[in-house]
N, C-alpha and C. Protein backbone atom coordinates (compact mmCIF):
# COMPACT_ATOMS: atom_id res chain seq x y z
N UNK A 1 15.38 1.41 8.26
CA UNK A 1 15.34 0.97 7.29
C UNK A 1 14.46 1.01 5.90
N UNK A 2 14.47 1.70 4.54
CA UNK A 2 14.39 1.84 3.97
C UNK A 2 13.26 0.78 3.28
N UNK A 3 12.08 0.38 3.46
CA UNK A 3 10.86 -0.23 3.49
C UNK A 3 11.17 -0.75 2.39
N UNK A 4 11.35 -0.98 1.11
CA UNK A 4 12.15 -1.65 -0.19
C UNK A 4 13.40 -2.36 -0.01
N UNK A 5 14.19 -2.28 1.49
CA UNK A 5 15.52 -3.06 1.80
C UNK A 5 14.83 -3.83 2.65
N UNK A 6 13.71 -3.26 3.36
CA UNK A 6 13.75 -4.13 4.20
C UNK A 6 12.32 -5.32 3.43
N UNK A 7 11.49 -5.40 2.71
CA UNK A 7 11.45 -6.17 2.06
C UNK A 7 11.90 -6.78 0.94
N UNK A 8 13.57 -6.96 0.73
CA UNK A 8 13.89 -7.58 -0.06
C UNK A 8 15.05 -8.62 1.13
N UNK A 9 15.26 -7.79 1.67
CA UNK A 9 16.49 -8.97 3.27
C UNK A 9 14.40 -9.69 3.65
N UNK A 10 13.39 -9.35 3.90
CA UNK A 10 12.42 -10.25 3.91
C UNK A 10 12.23 -11.38 3.48
N UNK A 11 11.99 -11.06 1.89
CA UNK A 11 12.23 -12.34 0.73
C UNK A 11 13.68 -13.17 0.80
N UNK A 12 14.73 -12.78 1.22
CA UNK A 12 15.25 -13.37 1.61
C UNK A 12 15.52 -13.87 2.25
N UNK A 13 15.34 -14.05 3.67
CA UNK A 13 15.39 -14.33 4.70
C UNK A 13 14.37 -15.93 4.66
N UNK A 14 13.06 -15.15 4.30
CA UNK A 14 12.04 -16.12 3.74
C UNK A 14 12.47 -17.63 2.96
N UNK A 15 13.12 -17.27 1.88
CA UNK A 15 13.50 -17.51 0.97
C UNK A 15 14.20 -18.89 1.07
N UNK A 16 15.44 -18.77 1.80
CA UNK A 16 16.34 -19.50 2.35
C UNK A 16 15.94 -20.35 3.55
N UNK A 17 14.13 -20.53 4.42
CA UNK A 17 13.88 -20.78 5.21
C UNK A 17 12.58 -21.89 4.18
N UNK A 18 12.22 -21.21 3.54
CA UNK A 18 11.29 -22.00 2.43
C UNK A 18 12.19 -23.31 1.80
N UNK A 19 13.13 -23.19 0.96
CA UNK A 19 14.18 -24.49 0.98
C UNK A 19 14.44 -25.13 2.01
N UNK A 20 14.30 -25.43 2.63
CA UNK A 20 14.08 -26.22 4.11
C UNK A 20 12.89 -26.65 4.26
N UNK A 21 11.61 -26.71 4.30
CA UNK A 21 10.66 -26.97 4.20
C UNK A 21 9.77 -27.74 3.16
N UNK A 22 9.75 -29.15 3.57
CA UNK A 22 9.43 -29.78 2.17
C UNK A 22 8.15 -29.97 2.39
N UNK A 23 7.85 -29.02 1.52
CA UNK A 23 6.62 -29.45 0.63
C UNK A 23 6.13 -30.03 -0.45
N UNK A 24 7.02 -31.41 -0.65
CA UNK A 24 6.62 -32.13 -0.99
C UNK A 24 5.40 -32.91 0.11
N UNK A 25 5.88 -32.74 0.99
CA UNK A 25 4.73 -33.99 1.98
C UNK A 25 2.83 -32.74 1.72
N UNK A 26 2.61 -33.76 2.00
CA UNK A 26 0.55 -33.33 1.51
C UNK A 26 0.65 -32.14 2.89
N UNK A 27 0.70 -32.87 4.01
CA UNK A 27 0.34 -32.42 5.24
C UNK A 27 1.20 -31.38 5.57
N UNK A 28 2.00 -31.06 5.01
CA UNK A 28 3.34 -29.76 5.39
C UNK A 28 2.20 -28.50 4.28
N UNK A 29 2.34 -29.09 3.06
CA UNK A 29 1.81 -28.15 1.88
C UNK A 29 0.34 -28.02 2.21
N UNK A 30 -0.04 -28.85 2.87
CA UNK A 30 -1.73 -28.19 3.26
C UNK A 30 -1.37 -26.67 4.00
N UNK A 31 -0.38 -27.67 5.50
CA UNK A 31 -0.40 -26.34 6.49
C UNK A 31 0.22 -24.75 6.27
N UNK A 32 0.77 -24.81 5.10
CA UNK A 32 1.15 -23.42 4.66
C UNK A 32 -0.36 -23.08 3.80
N UNK A 33 -0.18 -23.62 3.36
CA UNK A 33 -1.77 -23.26 2.33
C UNK A 33 -2.92 -22.74 3.39
N UNK A 34 -3.06 -23.56 3.71
CA UNK A 34 -3.79 -22.63 5.31
C UNK A 34 -3.44 -21.84 5.37
N UNK A 35 -2.38 -21.32 5.44
CA UNK A 35 -0.85 -20.33 6.38
C UNK A 35 -1.68 -19.11 5.63
N UNK A 36 -0.94 -19.63 4.23
CA UNK A 36 -1.46 -18.45 3.33
C UNK A 36 -2.59 -17.68 3.55
N UNK A 37 -4.11 -18.78 3.31
CA UNK A 37 -5.16 -18.24 3.55
C UNK A 37 -5.59 -17.28 4.52
N UNK A 38 -5.53 -17.55 5.63
CA UNK A 38 -5.23 -17.41 7.52
C UNK A 38 -5.10 -15.79 6.97
N UNK A 39 -3.83 -15.85 5.93
CA UNK A 39 -3.09 -14.68 6.67
C UNK A 39 -3.58 -13.63 5.15
N UNK A 40 -4.25 -13.53 4.53
CA UNK A 40 -5.20 -13.33 3.40
C UNK A 40 -6.39 -12.84 3.95
N UNK A 41 -6.56 -13.46 4.83
CA UNK A 41 -8.22 -13.26 5.26
C UNK A 41 -7.50 -12.13 6.44
N UNK A 42 -6.31 -12.29 7.58
CA UNK A 42 -6.95 -11.65 8.26
C UNK A 42 -6.40 -10.07 8.08
N UNK A 43 -5.57 -10.28 6.61
CA UNK A 43 -5.32 -8.07 5.86
C UNK A 43 -6.44 -7.71 5.70
N UNK A 44 -6.90 -8.63 4.90
CA UNK A 44 -8.22 -8.37 4.81
C UNK A 44 -9.48 -7.89 5.31
N UNK A 45 -9.47 -8.36 6.27
CA UNK A 45 -10.34 -8.36 7.97
C UNK A 45 -10.24 -6.53 8.01
N UNK A 46 -8.68 -6.38 8.12
CA UNK A 46 -8.07 -5.02 9.21
C UNK A 46 -8.16 -4.60 7.76
N UNK A 47 -8.01 -4.39 6.63
CA UNK A 47 -8.69 -3.46 5.57
C UNK A 47 -9.54 -3.36 6.14
N UNK A 48 -10.99 -3.89 5.68
CA UNK A 48 -12.05 -3.80 5.68
C UNK A 48 -12.53 -2.60 7.14
N UNK A 49 -11.79 -3.58 8.79
CA UNK A 49 -11.49 -2.71 9.57
C UNK A 49 -11.28 -1.49 9.62
N UNK A 50 -10.03 -1.08 8.63
CA UNK A 50 -9.84 0.32 8.57
C UNK A 50 -10.88 1.54 7.99
N UNK A 51 -11.68 0.31 6.90
CA UNK A 51 -12.85 1.51 5.80
C UNK A 51 -13.41 1.83 6.95
N UNK A 52 -14.17 0.58 7.78
CA UNK A 52 -15.08 0.75 8.29
C UNK A 52 -14.81 2.39 9.70
N UNK A 53 -14.02 2.45 10.16
CA UNK A 53 -13.02 3.37 11.01
C UNK A 53 -13.17 4.93 10.06
N UNK A 54 -12.85 4.89 8.99
CA UNK A 54 -12.69 5.62 8.59
C UNK A 54 -13.74 6.69 8.42
N UNK A 55 -15.05 5.53 7.33
CA UNK A 55 -15.83 6.23 7.48
C UNK A 55 -16.74 6.36 8.99
N UNK A 56 -16.48 5.86 9.68
CA UNK A 56 -17.33 6.24 11.44
C UNK A 56 -16.92 7.64 11.78
N UNK A 57 -14.61 7.53 11.57
CA UNK A 57 -14.41 8.84 12.09
C UNK A 57 -15.26 10.18 11.07
N UNK A 58 -15.59 9.78 9.61
CA UNK A 58 -15.86 10.75 8.99
C UNK A 58 -15.48 12.45 9.22
N UNK A 59 -13.75 12.43 8.75
CA UNK A 59 -13.91 13.52 8.64
C UNK A 59 -13.49 14.44 8.19
N UNK A 60 -14.30 15.23 7.42
CA UNK A 60 -14.50 16.35 6.71
C UNK A 60 -13.42 17.46 6.65
N UNK A 61 -12.28 17.57 6.57
CA UNK A 61 -11.14 18.43 6.69
C UNK A 61 -10.43 18.39 5.53
N UNK A 62 -10.81 20.04 4.78
CA UNK A 62 -10.48 19.62 3.34
C UNK A 62 -8.92 19.50 3.51
N UNK A 63 -9.02 18.90 2.31
CA UNK A 63 -7.10 18.54 2.23
C UNK A 63 -6.96 19.09 0.01
N UNK A 64 -5.63 19.45 0.61
CA UNK A 64 -5.59 20.94 -0.89
C UNK A 64 -3.62 19.97 -1.07
N UNK A 65 -3.80 19.70 -2.03
CA UNK A 65 -2.55 19.03 -2.76
C UNK A 65 -1.82 19.32 -4.34
N UNK A 66 -0.94 18.95 -4.82
CA UNK A 66 -1.09 19.03 -5.88
C UNK A 66 -0.36 18.00 -6.34
N UNK A 67 -1.06 16.84 -7.53
CA UNK A 67 -0.19 15.48 -7.64
C UNK A 67 1.29 15.52 -8.44
N UNK A 68 1.69 14.85 -8.40
CA UNK A 68 2.94 14.77 -8.99
C UNK A 68 2.89 14.25 -10.50
N UNK A 69 3.26 14.60 -11.18
CA UNK A 69 3.05 14.63 -12.31
C UNK A 69 4.40 13.21 -13.58
N UNK A 70 3.61 13.09 -13.95
CA UNK A 70 4.64 11.66 -14.88
C UNK A 70 6.05 12.05 -14.96
N UNK A 71 6.86 11.62 -14.58
CA UNK A 71 8.92 11.84 -15.03
C UNK A 71 8.52 12.06 -16.01
N UNK A 72 7.50 11.65 -17.03
CA UNK A 72 8.33 11.53 -19.02
C UNK A 72 7.16 12.69 -19.03
N UNK A 73 6.55 13.15 -18.64
CA UNK A 73 5.74 14.48 -18.61
C UNK A 73 5.94 15.70 -18.39
N UNK A 74 5.85 16.65 -19.66
CA UNK A 74 5.85 17.58 -19.18
C UNK A 74 4.95 18.50 -18.77
N UNK A 75 4.11 18.16 -18.17
CA UNK A 75 3.16 18.66 -17.86
C UNK A 75 2.82 18.79 -16.57
N UNK A 76 2.43 20.05 -15.58
CA UNK A 76 2.28 20.63 -14.03
C UNK A 76 1.62 19.73 -13.80
N UNK A 77 1.50 19.27 -12.45
CA UNK A 77 0.90 18.34 -11.75
C UNK A 77 -0.30 19.36 -11.49
N UNK A 78 -2.08 18.15 -11.34
CA UNK A 78 -2.97 18.42 -11.33
C UNK A 78 -3.69 18.98 -9.87
N UNK A 79 -4.02 19.53 -9.50
CA UNK A 79 -4.59 20.30 -8.16
C UNK A 79 -5.60 19.28 -8.05
N UNK A 80 -5.87 18.73 -6.64
CA UNK A 80 -6.50 17.75 -5.67
C UNK A 80 -7.08 18.48 -5.02
N UNK A 81 -8.11 18.35 -4.84
CA UNK A 81 -9.49 18.74 -3.47
C UNK A 81 -10.11 17.83 -3.02
N UNK A 82 -9.86 17.44 -2.43
CA UNK A 82 -10.58 16.21 -1.37
C UNK A 82 -10.92 16.46 0.45
N UNK A 83 -11.48 15.51 1.03
CA UNK A 83 -11.07 15.50 2.18
C UNK A 83 -10.47 14.11 3.15
N UNK A 84 -10.27 14.52 4.14
CA UNK A 84 -8.86 13.96 4.35
C UNK A 84 -9.53 12.33 4.46
N UNK A 85 -11.24 12.34 4.52
CA UNK A 85 -12.12 10.54 4.91
C UNK A 85 -11.93 9.98 3.32
N UNK A 86 -11.78 10.65 2.55
CA UNK A 86 -11.97 10.49 0.69
C UNK A 86 -11.04 10.22 1.06
N UNK A 87 -9.52 10.48 1.10
CA UNK A 87 -8.28 10.16 0.11
C UNK A 87 -7.62 9.09 1.33
N UNK A 88 -8.27 8.90 2.31
CA UNK A 88 -7.39 7.86 3.90
C UNK A 88 -8.26 6.70 3.02
N UNK A 89 -10.43 6.72 2.36
CA UNK A 89 -10.82 5.45 2.01
C UNK A 89 -9.98 5.10 0.74
N UNK A 90 -9.57 6.50 -0.53
CA UNK A 90 -8.90 5.92 -1.90
C UNK A 90 -7.11 4.96 -1.33
N UNK A 91 -6.00 5.35 -0.79
CA UNK A 91 -5.33 4.72 0.05
C UNK A 91 -5.68 3.99 0.56
N UNK A 92 -6.93 3.10 0.97
CA UNK A 92 -7.13 1.77 1.59
C UNK A 92 -7.48 1.34 0.03
N UNK A 93 -8.34 1.55 -0.54
CA UNK A 93 -8.40 1.30 -1.83
C UNK A 93 -7.62 0.29 -2.67
N UNK A 94 -6.77 1.21 -2.61
CA UNK A 94 -5.18 0.91 -3.31
C UNK A 94 -4.50 0.08 -2.62
N UNK A 95 -4.65 0.04 -1.37
CA UNK A 95 -4.42 -1.17 -0.44
C UNK A 95 -4.85 -2.58 -1.08
N UNK A 96 -5.86 -2.21 -0.84
CA UNK A 96 -7.01 -3.67 -1.14
C UNK A 96 -6.65 -3.96 -2.32
N UNK A 97 -6.60 -2.84 -3.74
CA UNK A 97 -6.52 -3.72 -4.75
C UNK A 97 -4.97 -4.53 -5.09
N UNK A 98 -4.15 -4.04 -4.24
CA UNK A 98 -2.56 -4.70 -3.95
C UNK A 98 -2.67 -6.37 -3.48
N UNK A 99 -4.02 -6.36 -2.38
CA UNK A 99 -3.92 -7.53 -1.71
C UNK A 99 -4.20 -8.28 -3.05
N UNK A 100 -5.43 -8.23 -3.98
CA UNK A 100 -6.15 -8.68 -4.69
C UNK A 100 -4.88 -9.39 -5.72
N UNK A 101 -4.67 -8.37 -6.24
CA UNK A 101 -3.04 -8.85 -7.62
C UNK A 101 -2.47 -9.68 -6.56
N UNK A 102 -2.30 -9.69 -5.52
CA UNK A 102 -1.02 -10.33 -4.47
C UNK A 102 -1.86 -11.77 -5.05
N UNK A 103 -3.26 -11.95 -4.75
CA UNK A 103 -3.91 -13.74 -4.53
C UNK A 103 -4.05 -14.03 -5.70
N UNK A 104 -3.94 -12.85 -6.69
CA UNK A 104 -4.55 -13.26 -8.28
C UNK A 104 -3.26 -14.02 -9.03
N UNK A 105 -2.35 -13.23 -8.47
CA UNK A 105 -0.68 -14.11 -8.82
C UNK A 105 -0.43 -15.67 -8.12
N UNK A 106 -0.62 -15.65 -6.89
CA UNK A 106 -0.86 -16.36 -6.07
C UNK A 106 -1.83 -17.64 -6.37
N UNK A 107 -2.99 -17.75 -7.16
CA UNK A 107 -3.59 -18.31 -7.60
C UNK A 107 -3.04 -18.99 -9.16
N UNK A 108 -2.32 -18.18 -10.07
CA UNK A 108 -1.92 -18.72 -11.23
C UNK A 108 -0.40 -19.52 -10.80
N UNK A 109 -0.02 -19.02 -9.20
CA UNK A 109 1.44 -19.81 -9.47
C UNK A 109 1.36 -20.23 -8.68
N UNK A 110 0.38 -20.81 -8.15
CA UNK A 110 0.52 -22.46 -7.04
C UNK A 110 -0.86 -23.36 -7.96
N UNK A 111 -2.27 -22.36 -8.28
CA UNK A 111 -2.71 -23.47 -9.14
C UNK A 111 -2.58 -24.05 -10.14
N UNK A 112 -2.13 -22.72 -11.04
CA UNK A 112 -1.57 -23.86 -12.36
C UNK A 112 -0.45 -23.95 -12.10
N UNK A 113 0.64 -23.23 -12.28
CA UNK A 113 2.18 -23.47 -12.53
C UNK A 113 2.56 -24.29 -10.71
N UNK A 114 2.27 -24.39 -10.27
CA UNK A 114 2.35 -25.62 -9.10
C UNK A 114 3.62 -24.95 -8.06
N UNK A 115 3.50 -23.68 -8.23
CA UNK A 115 4.77 -23.10 -7.58
C UNK A 115 4.65 -23.42 -5.80
N UNK A 116 5.45 -23.40 -5.18
CA UNK A 116 4.83 -23.58 -3.68
C UNK A 116 5.18 -22.84 -2.47
N UNK A 117 6.83 -22.50 -2.95
CA UNK A 117 7.14 -21.74 -1.91
C UNK A 117 6.95 -20.45 -1.64
N UNK A 118 6.06 -19.44 -2.98
CA UNK A 118 5.46 -18.50 -2.68
C UNK A 118 4.48 -18.40 -2.08
N UNK A 119 3.95 -19.29 -1.66
CA UNK A 119 2.81 -19.30 -0.91
C UNK A 119 3.37 -19.01 0.66
N UNK A 120 4.49 -19.48 1.21
CA UNK A 120 5.26 -18.89 2.09
C UNK A 120 6.07 -18.04 2.25
N UNK A 121 6.22 -17.65 1.44
CA UNK A 121 7.11 -15.84 1.13
C UNK A 121 5.72 -14.83 1.17
N UNK A 122 4.93 -15.29 0.40
CA UNK A 122 3.59 -13.65 0.32
C UNK A 122 2.94 -13.92 2.11
N UNK A 123 2.59 -15.07 2.22
CA UNK A 123 1.97 -15.26 3.53
C UNK A 123 2.92 -14.05 4.34
N UNK A 124 4.69 -14.10 5.30
CA UNK A 124 5.06 -13.11 5.38
C UNK A 124 5.00 -11.69 4.66
N UNK A 125 5.48 -11.79 3.59
CA UNK A 125 5.54 -10.41 2.94
C UNK A 125 4.00 -9.06 2.86
N UNK A 126 2.74 -9.93 3.34
CA UNK A 126 1.88 -9.43 3.61
C UNK A 126 1.65 -8.85 4.50
N UNK A 127 1.67 -9.57 5.88
CA UNK A 127 1.65 -9.01 6.87
C UNK A 127 2.82 -8.29 7.39
N UNK A 128 3.30 -8.19 7.06
CA UNK A 128 4.62 -7.11 6.03
C UNK A 128 4.04 -6.28 6.27
N UNK A 129 3.46 -5.77 4.82
CA UNK A 129 3.17 -4.90 4.25
C UNK A 129 2.38 -4.28 4.42
N UNK A 130 1.32 -5.32 5.85
CA UNK A 130 0.05 -4.38 6.80
C UNK A 130 0.78 -3.88 7.51
N UNK A 131 1.31 -4.38 8.25
CA UNK A 131 2.28 -3.16 9.67
C UNK A 131 2.64 -2.62 8.80
N UNK A 132 3.37 -2.06 7.56
CA UNK A 132 3.34 -0.87 7.09
C UNK A 132 2.71 -0.16 6.30
N UNK A 133 1.44 -0.34 5.57
CA UNK A 133 0.67 0.94 5.35
C UNK A 133 0.47 1.64 6.73
N UNK A 134 -0.23 2.67 6.11
CA UNK A 134 -0.57 3.64 6.88
C UNK A 134 -1.17 4.07 7.01
N UNK A 135 -2.70 3.79 6.24
CA UNK A 135 -4.17 4.09 7.20
C UNK A 135 -4.08 3.10 8.06
N UNK A 136 -3.01 2.62 8.06
CA UNK A 136 -3.52 1.21 9.86
C UNK A 136 -3.16 1.09 10.77
N UNK A 137 -1.41 2.38 10.34
CA UNK A 137 -0.65 2.60 11.64
C UNK A 137 -1.71 4.17 11.98
N UNK A 138 -2.38 5.03 11.21
CA UNK A 138 -2.93 6.20 11.46
C UNK A 138 -4.09 5.52 12.35
N UNK A 139 -5.23 4.50 11.62
CA UNK A 139 -6.68 4.30 12.38
C UNK A 139 -6.45 2.73 13.18
N UNK A 140 -5.60 2.07 13.25
CA UNK A 140 -5.53 0.94 14.10
C UNK A 140 -4.48 0.88 15.13
N UNK A 141 -3.38 1.29 15.12
CA UNK A 141 -2.33 2.02 15.78
C UNK A 141 -2.45 2.81 16.24
N UNK A 142 -3.10 3.80 16.24
CA UNK A 142 -3.68 5.22 16.85
C UNK A 142 -2.76 6.13 16.37
N UNK A 143 -1.38 6.03 15.63
CA UNK A 143 -0.49 6.77 15.75
C UNK A 143 -1.21 8.32 14.63
N UNK A 144 -0.59 9.68 15.44
CA UNK A 144 -1.06 10.71 14.84
C UNK A 144 -0.44 11.14 13.23
N UNK A 145 -1.27 11.33 12.48
CA UNK A 145 -0.95 11.86 11.10
C UNK A 145 0.03 13.02 10.71
N UNK A 146 1.76 13.10 11.24
CA UNK A 146 2.20 13.57 11.57
C UNK A 146 3.61 13.31 10.68
N UNK A 147 4.77 13.93 10.26
CA UNK A 147 5.90 12.90 9.53
C UNK A 147 5.45 12.34 8.63
N UNK A 148 5.97 10.75 8.59
CA UNK A 148 5.80 10.57 7.50
C UNK A 148 3.91 9.62 7.00
N UNK A 149 3.45 10.10 8.79
CA UNK A 149 1.99 9.59 8.57
C UNK A 149 0.90 11.19 7.62
N UNK A 150 1.97 11.69 7.86
CA UNK A 150 0.84 13.50 7.13
C UNK A 150 0.71 13.33 5.98
N UNK A 151 -0.67 13.62 5.50
CA UNK A 151 -1.52 13.42 4.35
C UNK A 151 -1.37 14.49 3.86
N UNK A 152 -0.78 14.62 2.37
CA UNK A 152 -1.30 13.40 1.59
C UNK A 152 -0.31 12.35 1.68
N UNK A 153 -0.10 11.14 1.63
CA UNK A 153 1.50 10.35 2.11
C UNK A 153 2.50 10.17 0.75
N UNK A 154 3.82 10.37 1.56
CA UNK A 154 4.84 10.79 0.62
C UNK A 154 5.04 8.65 0.17
N UNK A 155 4.93 8.82 -1.20
CA UNK A 155 5.46 7.52 -2.23
C UNK A 155 6.57 6.90 -1.56
N UNK A 156 6.84 5.68 -1.38
CA UNK A 156 7.95 5.32 -0.58
C UNK A 156 9.55 5.59 -2.07
N UNK A 157 10.58 6.06 -1.84
CA UNK A 157 11.63 5.69 -2.81
C UNK A 157 11.71 4.31 -3.12
N UNK A 158 11.32 4.22 -4.58
CA UNK A 158 12.23 3.38 -5.20
C UNK A 158 13.84 2.92 -4.97
N UNK A 159 13.89 2.09 -5.75
CA UNK A 159 15.27 1.36 -5.40
C UNK A 159 16.37 2.31 -6.97
N UNK A 160 16.02 2.80 -7.75
CA UNK A 160 16.95 3.99 -8.58
C UNK A 160 16.57 5.17 -7.44
N UNK A 161 15.88 5.48 -6.65
CA UNK A 161 16.21 6.77 -5.82
C UNK A 161 15.01 7.11 -5.21
N UNK A 162 14.59 8.85 -5.34
CA UNK A 162 13.14 9.08 -4.54
C UNK A 162 12.31 9.26 -5.71
N UNK A 163 10.85 9.77 -5.41
CA UNK A 163 9.86 9.64 -6.73
C UNK A 163 9.45 11.22 -5.54
N UNK A 164 9.03 11.77 -7.39
CA UNK A 164 8.91 13.04 -6.69
C UNK A 164 7.25 13.04 -5.96
N UNK A 165 7.35 13.49 -4.38
CA UNK A 165 5.68 13.27 -3.77
C UNK A 165 5.07 14.36 -4.12
N UNK A 166 3.53 14.19 -3.68
CA UNK A 166 2.59 15.27 -4.01
C UNK A 166 3.30 16.79 -3.38
N UNK A 167 2.86 17.97 -3.54
CA UNK A 167 3.11 19.07 -2.98
C UNK A 167 2.20 19.64 -2.28
N UNK A 168 2.91 20.34 -1.37
CA UNK A 168 1.78 20.80 -0.17
C UNK A 168 1.65 22.52 -0.03
N UNK A 169 2.82 22.77 -0.14
CA UNK A 169 3.00 24.42 0.05
C UNK A 169 2.20 24.99 -0.92
N UNK A 170 2.10 25.54 0.14
CA UNK A 170 0.77 26.98 -0.65
C UNK A 170 1.30 27.92 -2.07
N UNK A 171 2.16 28.19 -2.50
CA UNK A 171 2.91 28.74 -3.81
C UNK A 171 2.64 27.46 -4.68
N UNK A 172 2.27 25.71 -4.53
CA UNK A 172 2.38 24.86 -5.02
C UNK A 172 0.46 24.70 -6.03
N UNK A 173 -0.22 25.40 -4.58
CA UNK A 173 -1.60 25.12 -5.14
C UNK A 173 -1.76 26.00 -5.26
N UNK A 174 -1.45 27.39 -4.99
CA UNK A 174 -1.71 28.60 -6.03
C UNK A 174 -1.42 28.87 -7.37
N UNK A 175 -0.55 28.22 -7.47
CA UNK A 175 0.12 28.18 -8.76
C UNK A 175 -1.44 27.41 -9.64
N UNK A 176 -1.36 26.05 -8.88
CA UNK A 176 -2.15 25.18 -9.91
C UNK A 176 -3.68 25.79 -10.16
N UNK A 177 -4.40 26.56 -8.87
CA UNK A 177 -5.36 26.89 -8.74
C UNK A 177 -5.23 28.24 -10.37
N UNK A 178 -4.66 28.68 -10.20
CA UNK A 178 -4.80 29.89 -11.24
C UNK A 178 -4.34 29.37 -12.56
N UNK A 179 -4.26 28.16 -12.78
CA UNK A 179 -3.73 27.24 -14.07
C UNK A 179 -5.45 26.37 -14.19
N UNK A 180 -6.08 26.02 -12.96
CA UNK A 180 -7.11 25.44 -13.70
C UNK A 180 -8.28 26.33 -13.46
N UNK A 181 -8.35 27.78 -13.18
CA UNK A 181 -8.95 28.97 -13.29
C UNK A 181 -8.78 29.92 -15.10
N UNK A 182 -7.56 29.00 -15.31
CA UNK A 182 -7.50 30.17 -17.24
C UNK A 182 -8.20 29.11 -17.59
N UNK A 183 -7.93 27.79 -17.23
CA UNK A 183 -8.22 26.22 -18.30
C UNK A 183 -9.65 26.55 -18.71
N UNK A 184 -10.92 27.44 -17.42
CA UNK A 184 -12.08 27.78 -17.24
C UNK A 184 -12.34 28.90 -18.11
N UNK A 185 -11.87 29.69 -17.86
CA UNK A 185 -12.16 30.83 -18.96
C UNK A 185 -12.62 31.09 -20.40
């Protein structure tokens, strides 16, 4: 099943469960807050562990691909040359930024607007997103980097359909190298 649809299903189910939780009870609210903070600490700890594992492995295999251009732009994609280590660290950094943004949003929603249900829902969604993260699958669960886990990672399709992913075929890379060579001359 598509990850976006799974997220929607889990969110809807969590909202139904959250309706049954008596958030007016201060003791229940304290436990939900503790659960949220615990989930975020676990998520941040796992991403830190993944970063340390990537650095320890120090895979210097060269990775070349043509980055997908913006759908609104007529510009061709840019050539990216990196190593597996740097690519995995960049992907883990993106995941960390999304966790920090979620924490900031939750601080606003719960701290300022006093909403309590999102604490419960975000705890579940954070753990689910951690399980779905490709660097976690490779470096924690030990899955081989094949298929969906092959680098560069394909972007998850959105609700409107597939998004263009990076091109890894030799023809696209050769064409991008020619464009880069012409610009330098």
